[in-house]
Protein backbone atom coordinates (compact mmCIF):
# COMPACT_ATOMS: atom_id res chain seq x y z
CA MET A 1 109.07 103.32 92.14
CA ILE A 2 106.10 102.83 89.40
CA ILE A 3 103.49 100.53 89.95
CA ASN A 4 101.15 100.86 86.52
CA LYS A 5 99.06 98.21 85.27
CA LYS A 6 97.12 99.76 82.39
CA ILE A 7 94.88 102.06 83.90
CA HIS A 8 95.86 101.54 87.14
CA ASN A 9 98.62 104.31 87.95
CA VAL A 10 100.26 104.13 92.01
CA GLU A 11 103.85 105.29 92.85
CA ILE A 12 105.78 104.98 95.61
CA SER A 13 107.02 108.45 96.45
CA ASN A 14 107.55 110.62 100.09
CA LEU A 15 106.18 113.45 100.81
CA GLU A 16 108.56 116.38 100.29
CA LYS A 17 108.66 114.87 96.50
CA VAL A 18 104.81 115.39 96.86
CA ASN A 19 104.24 118.61 98.82
CA LYS A 20 106.61 120.19 95.94
CA LEU A 21 104.41 118.79 93.33
CA LEU A 22 101.00 119.48 94.76
CA LEU A 23 102.37 123.12 95.81
CA LYS A 24 103.47 123.50 91.75
CA LYS A 25 100.49 124.57 90.08
CA ASP A 26 96.47 125.66 90.27
CA LEU A 27 96.23 126.27 94.03
CA ASP A 28 93.36 128.31 92.77
CA ALA A 29 91.14 125.70 90.78
CA ASN A 30 91.99 122.72 93.48
CA ILE A 31 90.20 121.67 96.76
CA LEU A 32 92.21 119.13 99.17
CA ILE A 33 90.67 117.34 102.24
CA ILE A 34 93.02 116.21 104.94
CA ASP A 35 92.53 113.93 108.00
CA GLN A 36 92.65 116.55 110.82
CA ASN A 37 95.03 113.96 112.20
CA LEU A 38 98.13 114.26 110.16
CA LYS A 39 97.55 118.61 110.85
CA SER A 40 100.62 118.41 112.49
CA ASN A 41 103.09 116.76 110.16
CA LYS A 42 105.93 119.73 108.38
CA TYR A 43 104.59 118.80 105.39
CA ILE A 44 100.67 119.14 105.70
CA LYS A 45 101.03 122.32 107.43
CA LYS A 46 103.39 123.82 104.62
CA LEU A 47 100.02 122.51 102.21
CA ILE A 48 97.27 123.78 104.61
CA SER A 49 98.90 127.35 104.45
CA LYS A 50 98.95 127.61 101.31
CA PHE A 51 95.65 126.38 100.06
CA GLY A 52 93.81 128.28 102.73
CA PRO A 53 89.84 128.19 102.41
CA ARG A 54 90.58 125.41 99.52
CA CYS A 55 91.93 122.92 101.99
CA LEU A 56 89.40 121.70 104.33
CA LEU A 57 90.47 119.10 107.27
CA ILE A 58 87.94 115.99 107.91
CA LYS A 59 88.45 113.50 111.16
CA GLY A 60 88.69 110.61 109.40
CA HIS A 61 86.21 107.42 110.78
CA GLU A 62 83.29 105.23 109.33
CA LYS A 63 80.81 107.80 111.05
CA ILE A 64 81.95 110.82 108.06
CA LYS A 65 80.92 108.41 105.01
CA SER A 66 77.11 109.70 105.72
CA LEU A 67 74.60 111.02 102.89
CA ASP A 68 74.29 114.02 105.14
CA ASN A 69 78.09 114.63 105.20
CA TYR A 70 78.04 114.29 101.19
CA CYS A 71 75.43 117.04 101.26
CA THR A 72 77.10 119.35 103.60
CA TYR A 73 80.96 118.80 101.59
CA ILE A 74 79.21 118.60 98.27
CA GLU A 75 77.68 122.56 98.66
CA LYS A 76 80.96 123.70 100.69
CA ILE A 77 83.25 122.53 97.82
CA LEU A 78 80.36 124.20 95.42
CA LYS A 79 80.72 127.50 97.78
CA ILE A 80 84.56 127.35 97.53
CA GLY A 81 84.43 127.18 93.58
CA VAL A 82 85.51 124.08 91.44
CA GLN A 83 86.18 124.19 87.54
CA ARG A 84 86.22 121.24 85.73
CA LYS A 85 90.59 121.19 85.38
CA SER A 86 90.08 120.90 89.44
CA LYS A 87 91.49 118.06 91.32
CA LEU A 88 90.49 116.85 94.54
CA ILE A 89 93.27 116.12 96.53
CA SER A 90 92.70 113.81 99.70
CA ILE A 91 95.45 112.92 101.86
CA GLY A 92 93.88 109.93 104.48
CA GLY A 93 92.86 107.15 105.66
CA GLY A 94 90.48 104.76 103.84
CA THR A 95 87.52 106.72 105.27
CA ILE A 96 88.71 109.96 103.72
CA GLY A 97 89.37 108.32 100.45
CA ASP A 98 86.34 107.13 99.99
CA PHE A 99 84.62 110.12 100.91
CA ALA A 100 87.01 112.17 98.82
CA GLY A 101 86.56 109.55 95.97
CA PHE A 102 82.45 109.91 95.84
CA LEU A 103 82.85 113.95 96.26
CA ALA A 104 84.95 114.02 92.81
CA SER A 105 83.13 110.88 91.50
CA SER A 106 80.03 113.32 91.36
CA LEU A 107 81.26 117.00 91.39
CA LEU A 108 80.53 118.94 87.44
CA ARG A 109 79.64 114.82 86.87
CA GLY A 110 83.89 113.89 87.49
CA ILE A 111 86.90 115.83 88.40
CA ASP A 112 89.90 114.21 88.89
CA HIS A 113 91.25 112.60 92.45
CA TYR A 114 94.54 112.56 93.69
CA MET A 115 94.96 110.24 96.22
CA ILE A 116 97.36 109.93 99.42
CA PRO A 117 96.11 107.17 101.84
CA SER A 118 98.00 108.19 105.11
CA SER A 119 97.26 104.19 106.87
CA LEU A 120 98.74 100.84 106.03
CA LEU A 121 95.14 100.04 105.33
CA ALA A 122 94.09 102.81 102.55
CA MET A 123 97.80 102.19 100.88
CA VAL A 124 97.49 98.31 100.61
CA ASP A 125 93.87 98.04 99.88
CA SER A 126 91.26 100.77 99.18
CA SER A 127 93.53 103.61 97.65
CA ILE A 128 93.51 100.20 94.99
CA GLY A 129 91.16 99.88 92.20
CA GLY A 130 88.89 102.16 92.49
CA LYS A 131 86.05 101.74 94.67
CA THR A 132 83.98 104.73 96.45
CA GLY A 133 81.49 104.84 99.24
CA LEU A 134 79.28 105.94 101.39
CA ASN A 135 77.56 104.08 104.72
CA SER A 136 73.93 103.82 105.17
CA LYS A 137 71.70 102.62 108.46
CA TYR A 138 71.59 99.43 106.34
CA GLY A 139 75.01 98.54 105.73
CA LYS A 140 78.60 99.58 104.89
CA ASN A 141 79.40 101.30 101.39
CA LEU A 142 75.92 100.66 100.10
CA VAL A 143 75.87 104.46 98.39
CA GLY A 144 78.79 104.98 96.05
CA SER A 145 80.78 104.54 92.17
CA PHE A 146 83.93 103.51 90.60
CA TYR A 147 85.93 106.39 89.92
CA LEU A 148 89.63 105.32 90.20
CA PRO A 149 92.03 108.12 91.30
CA GLU A 150 94.16 109.92 88.91
CA LYS A 151 96.97 109.02 90.32
CA VAL A 152 97.81 106.78 93.69
CA MET A 153 101.17 108.24 95.65
CA ILE A 154 102.51 106.34 98.42
CA CYS A 155 104.55 107.87 101.48
CA PRO A 156 105.29 105.19 103.86
CA GLU A 157 106.57 108.11 106.38
CA LEU A 158 102.99 108.53 106.63
CA LEU A 159 103.01 105.36 108.74
CA ASN A 160 105.00 107.05 111.65
CA THR A 161 101.84 109.09 112.36
CA LEU A 162 99.88 105.73 112.95
CA PRO A 163 98.82 104.70 116.33
CA ASN A 164 100.00 100.26 116.39
CA ARG A 165 96.17 99.80 116.43
CA GLU A 166 95.91 101.36 113.40
CA LEU A 167 98.57 99.26 112.06
CA SER A 168 97.43 96.23 112.89
CA CYS A 169 93.97 97.02 110.86
CA GLY A 170 96.61 97.44 107.85
CA PHE A 171 98.01 94.24 108.23
CA ALA A 172 94.43 92.04 108.15
CA GLU A 173 94.17 92.91 104.26
CA ILE A 174 97.57 92.21 103.82
CA ILE A 175 97.19 88.78 105.53
CA LYS A 176 94.29 88.22 103.21
CA TYR A 177 96.42 88.26 100.49
CA SER A 178 97.95 85.85 101.65
CA LEU A 179 95.35 83.39 102.06
CA ILE A 180 93.20 84.19 98.90
CA LYS A 181 96.98 84.05 96.94
CA PRO A 182 98.56 81.70 99.02
CA ASN A 183 102.56 81.50 98.16
CA ASN A 184 105.70 81.74 100.67
CA PHE A 185 104.46 85.90 101.28
CA LYS A 186 102.76 84.06 104.44
CA LYS A 187 106.58 83.70 105.46
CA ARG A 188 107.37 86.99 104.62
CA LEU A 189 105.03 88.37 107.11
CA LEU A 190 105.79 85.42 110.04
CA LYS A 191 109.66 87.13 109.64
CA TYR A 192 108.50 90.32 109.32
CA ASP A 193 109.87 92.51 112.35
CA PHE A 194 107.12 95.75 112.91
CA LYS A 195 109.72 98.24 111.50
CA ILE A 196 108.43 100.95 109.03
CA ASN A 197 111.62 100.63 107.40
CA SER A 198 112.16 98.37 103.71
CA ASP A 199 111.15 95.08 104.79
CA LEU A 200 107.45 96.73 104.71
CA VAL A 201 108.10 98.77 101.64
CA SER A 202 108.96 95.58 99.98
CA ILE A 203 105.07 94.05 101.60
CA ILE A 204 103.28 97.24 100.29
CA LYS A 205 104.69 96.79 97.03
CA TYR A 206 103.56 93.10 96.68
CA SER A 207 100.23 93.86 98.36
CA ILE A 208 99.00 96.26 95.91
CA LYS A 209 100.45 94.16 92.99
CA THR A 210 98.08 91.41 94.30
CA LYS A 211 95.34 93.79 94.16
CA ILE A 212 96.00 95.04 91.29
CA ASN A 213 95.67 91.47 89.42
CA TYR A 214 92.12 91.06 90.81
CA VAL A 215 90.96 94.44 89.78
CA ASP A 216 91.02 94.64 86.42
CA ASP A 217 87.68 92.77 86.44
CA PHE A 218 86.20 95.91 87.21
CA LYS A 219 82.61 94.92 88.74
CA GLU A 220 83.07 91.89 90.11
CA LYS A 221 81.36 90.47 87.14
CA SER A 222 82.93 86.42 86.99
CA SER A 223 82.97 84.02 88.89
CA HIS A 224 86.56 82.46 88.27
CA ARG A 225 89.67 82.90 90.91
CA SER A 226 91.05 85.95 89.75
CA SER A 227 87.45 87.88 89.80
CA ARG A 228 88.01 91.17 91.89
CA ALA A 229 84.99 89.52 94.12
CA ILE A 230 87.72 87.16 95.83
CA LEU A 231 88.68 90.28 97.79
CA ASN A 232 86.14 89.99 99.39
CA PHE A 233 87.20 87.62 101.19
CA GLY A 234 86.25 88.26 104.88
CA HIS A 235 84.00 91.52 103.87
CA SER A 236 80.91 89.88 104.07
CA ILE A 237 80.94 88.59 107.04
CA GLY A 238 83.20 91.56 108.62
CA HIS A 239 81.09 94.46 107.10
CA ALA A 240 78.18 93.06 109.18
CA ILE A 241 79.84 93.16 112.37
CA GLU A 242 80.91 96.38 111.73
CA ASN A 243 77.60 97.44 110.68
CA SER A 244 75.80 96.08 113.99
CA ASN A 245 78.44 97.33 116.03
CA LEU A 246 77.15 101.17 114.74
CA TYR A 247 81.49 101.58 113.21
CA LYS A 248 81.70 102.36 116.79
CA SER A 249 85.80 102.40 117.66
CA ASN A 250 85.36 99.42 119.82
CA ILE A 251 85.78 97.50 116.71
CA LYS A 252 87.63 98.77 113.61
CA HIS A 253 87.87 97.38 109.86
CA GLY A 254 90.81 95.64 109.99
CA GLU A 255 89.82 93.69 113.34
CA ALA A 256 86.76 93.09 111.91
CA ILE A 257 87.83 91.62 108.90
CA ALA A 258 90.72 89.52 110.52
CA LEU A 259 87.43 87.69 112.65
CA GLY A 260 85.20 88.31 108.99
CA MET A 261 88.44 85.91 107.70
CA LEU A 262 88.36 83.27 110.33
CA ILE A 263 85.19 82.46 110.35
CA GLU A 264 84.79 82.71 106.64
CA LEU A 265 87.69 79.98 106.90
CA LYS A 266 86.28 77.92 109.35
CA ILE A 267 83.26 78.11 106.81
CA SER A 268 85.36 76.66 104.44
CA GLU A 269 86.70 73.62 106.34
CA TYR A 270 83.21 72.80 107.67
CA LEU A 271 82.15 72.42 103.91
CA GLY A 272 85.55 70.48 103.33
CA TYR A 273 87.31 72.97 101.56
CA TYR A 274 90.26 74.28 104.25
CA ASN A 275 92.01 71.41 105.62
CA LYS A 276 95.22 73.19 106.84
CA PRO A 277 95.30 73.75 110.50
CA ILE A 278 93.10 77.38 111.37
CA ASP A 279 95.80 77.55 113.89
CA GLN A 280 98.25 78.83 111.42
CA THR A 281 96.00 81.97 110.23
CA MET A 282 95.13 82.50 113.75
CA ASN A 283 98.74 82.68 114.93
CA LEU A 284 99.10 85.32 112.19
CA LEU A 285 96.34 87.10 113.14
CA LYS A 286 97.80 87.26 117.11
CA LYS A 287 101.32 88.15 115.50
CA PHE A 288 99.69 91.48 114.50
CA ASN A 289 97.05 92.07 117.29
CA LEU A 290 94.26 91.23 114.85
CA PRO A 291 91.17 89.66 117.38
CA THR A 292 90.70 85.96 116.81
CA SER A 293 87.49 85.29 119.19
CA TYR A 294 84.16 86.05 117.24
CA GLU A 295 82.20 84.83 120.27
CA ASN A 296 80.91 88.29 121.37
CA TYR A 297 79.69 88.75 117.30
CA LEU A 298 78.43 85.24 116.74
CA SER A 299 76.85 83.72 119.63
CA ASN A 300 73.44 81.87 119.51
CA ASP A 301 71.39 84.95 119.99
CA LYS A 302 73.34 87.24 117.32
CA ILE A 303 73.16 85.32 114.53
CA LYS A 304 69.49 86.44 113.82
CA LYS A 305 70.85 90.11 113.63
CA LEU A 306 73.84 89.17 112.05
CA MET A 307 72.30 87.72 109.33
CA GLN A 308 70.10 90.79 108.78
CA LYS A 309 72.52 92.37 108.30
CA MET A 310 73.94 90.86 105.62
CA LYS A 311 70.96 90.80 103.46
CA TYR A 312 71.81 94.41 102.80
CA ASP A 313 75.25 93.39 101.54
CA LYS A 314 76.38 93.91 97.56
CA LYS A 315 76.82 90.82 97.04
CA VAL A 316 73.35 89.37 97.78
CA SER A 317 70.93 87.72 95.07
CA ASP A 318 67.66 86.72 96.01
CA ASN A 319 68.03 85.18 98.93
CA TYR A 320 72.00 84.13 98.00
CA ILE A 321 75.24 85.48 99.64
CA ASN A 322 78.50 85.02 97.30
CA ILE A 323 81.02 83.80 100.49
CA ILE A 324 84.73 83.56 99.47
CA CYS A 325 85.88 80.34 100.60
CA ILE A 326 89.75 79.44 100.60
CA ASP A 327 91.40 75.62 99.77
CA ASN A 328 94.39 74.88 98.63
CA LYS A 329 94.81 76.65 95.38
CA GLY A 330 93.43 80.15 97.27
CA GLY A 331 89.72 82.01 97.12
CA PHE A 332 86.80 80.61 95.18
CA ILE A 333 83.03 82.04 95.02
CA LYS A 334 80.79 79.59 97.06
CA LYS A 335 77.12 80.54 96.70
CA LEU A 336 74.80 79.80 99.63
CA SER A 337 71.78 80.13 100.99
CA PHE A 338 70.88 82.80 103.59
CA GLU A 339 68.93 79.49 105.38
CA LYS A 340 72.65 77.60 104.53
CA LEU A 341 74.81 80.72 106.01
CA GLU A 342 72.97 80.48 109.25
CA LYS A 343 72.77 76.52 109.83
CA ILE A 344 76.98 76.90 108.92
CA LEU A 345 77.08 79.55 111.31
CA THR A 346 75.04 77.57 114.23
CA LYS A 347 77.75 74.42 113.51
CA ILE A 348 80.91 76.77 113.70
CA ILE A 349 80.40 78.92 117.28
């Protein structure tokens, strides 16, 4: 199945078919970046063998998205040899895709990027929409570009390589879609039985289509309900939680976003926009083994630290930040001063 709307080229495929496609041509020109956690897969082994030194194995993690690593791998790729016809092919989770996408966008002022996401989170979120990024000590994805991959190939069988915790992280973004655009999708998630089957493929397809409907607003410039900015629900606070925790493994991206969504729902409730029981969302988060307790990150003594991290957020303008709130119609943008946001946070903890 091909999901192709305007400039977004996404295909649901299988790893055997993708493997044959990648081995067809330009082995001496293309560059392959693979998460080393995938190297035992039989199809990945073939690619590693055929591409030889043109295959770079990297362990996917937020810490690889640094300026130092960027410089290191740019020089490695240039030394290996790259031409304008070269394609950079990445196979891995969101951090691999973000990192490889930024490399592709800057190599020779831009070469084609083919993305094969291996995590659920990357399949339904980071592979769609063309955002690439590196992290700074001041915040997440503060260095980056908008650079759409030439093609995204989704191979659901790669999800069999994931630990349960990583699958849960992917469901954080999927749950986000059920909140920013309310319909019967939440009921489908409540019925899902945790199997990698046709139900999960259907959930992936729906999530991709939902995100594509938002990302036509390429640089988040508009303020209406269909703006790309709505996808930031849970992320302003979630990213600050991640960064204040120095991207340590005790809280992963999807887990931080789950907490960010819960906190932003509480903000929506406090401001009088959200009048449904928050317990419904908490139960959904619990079903997918996502955290629902944010006391360790939003205690009185940590709010100021969190606010300092948020001041480096990309959505900041002067002394204001755009928070995505939820009402009965879904997500919308609410501009709040940092002073007011801090006061609200002290009220809801």
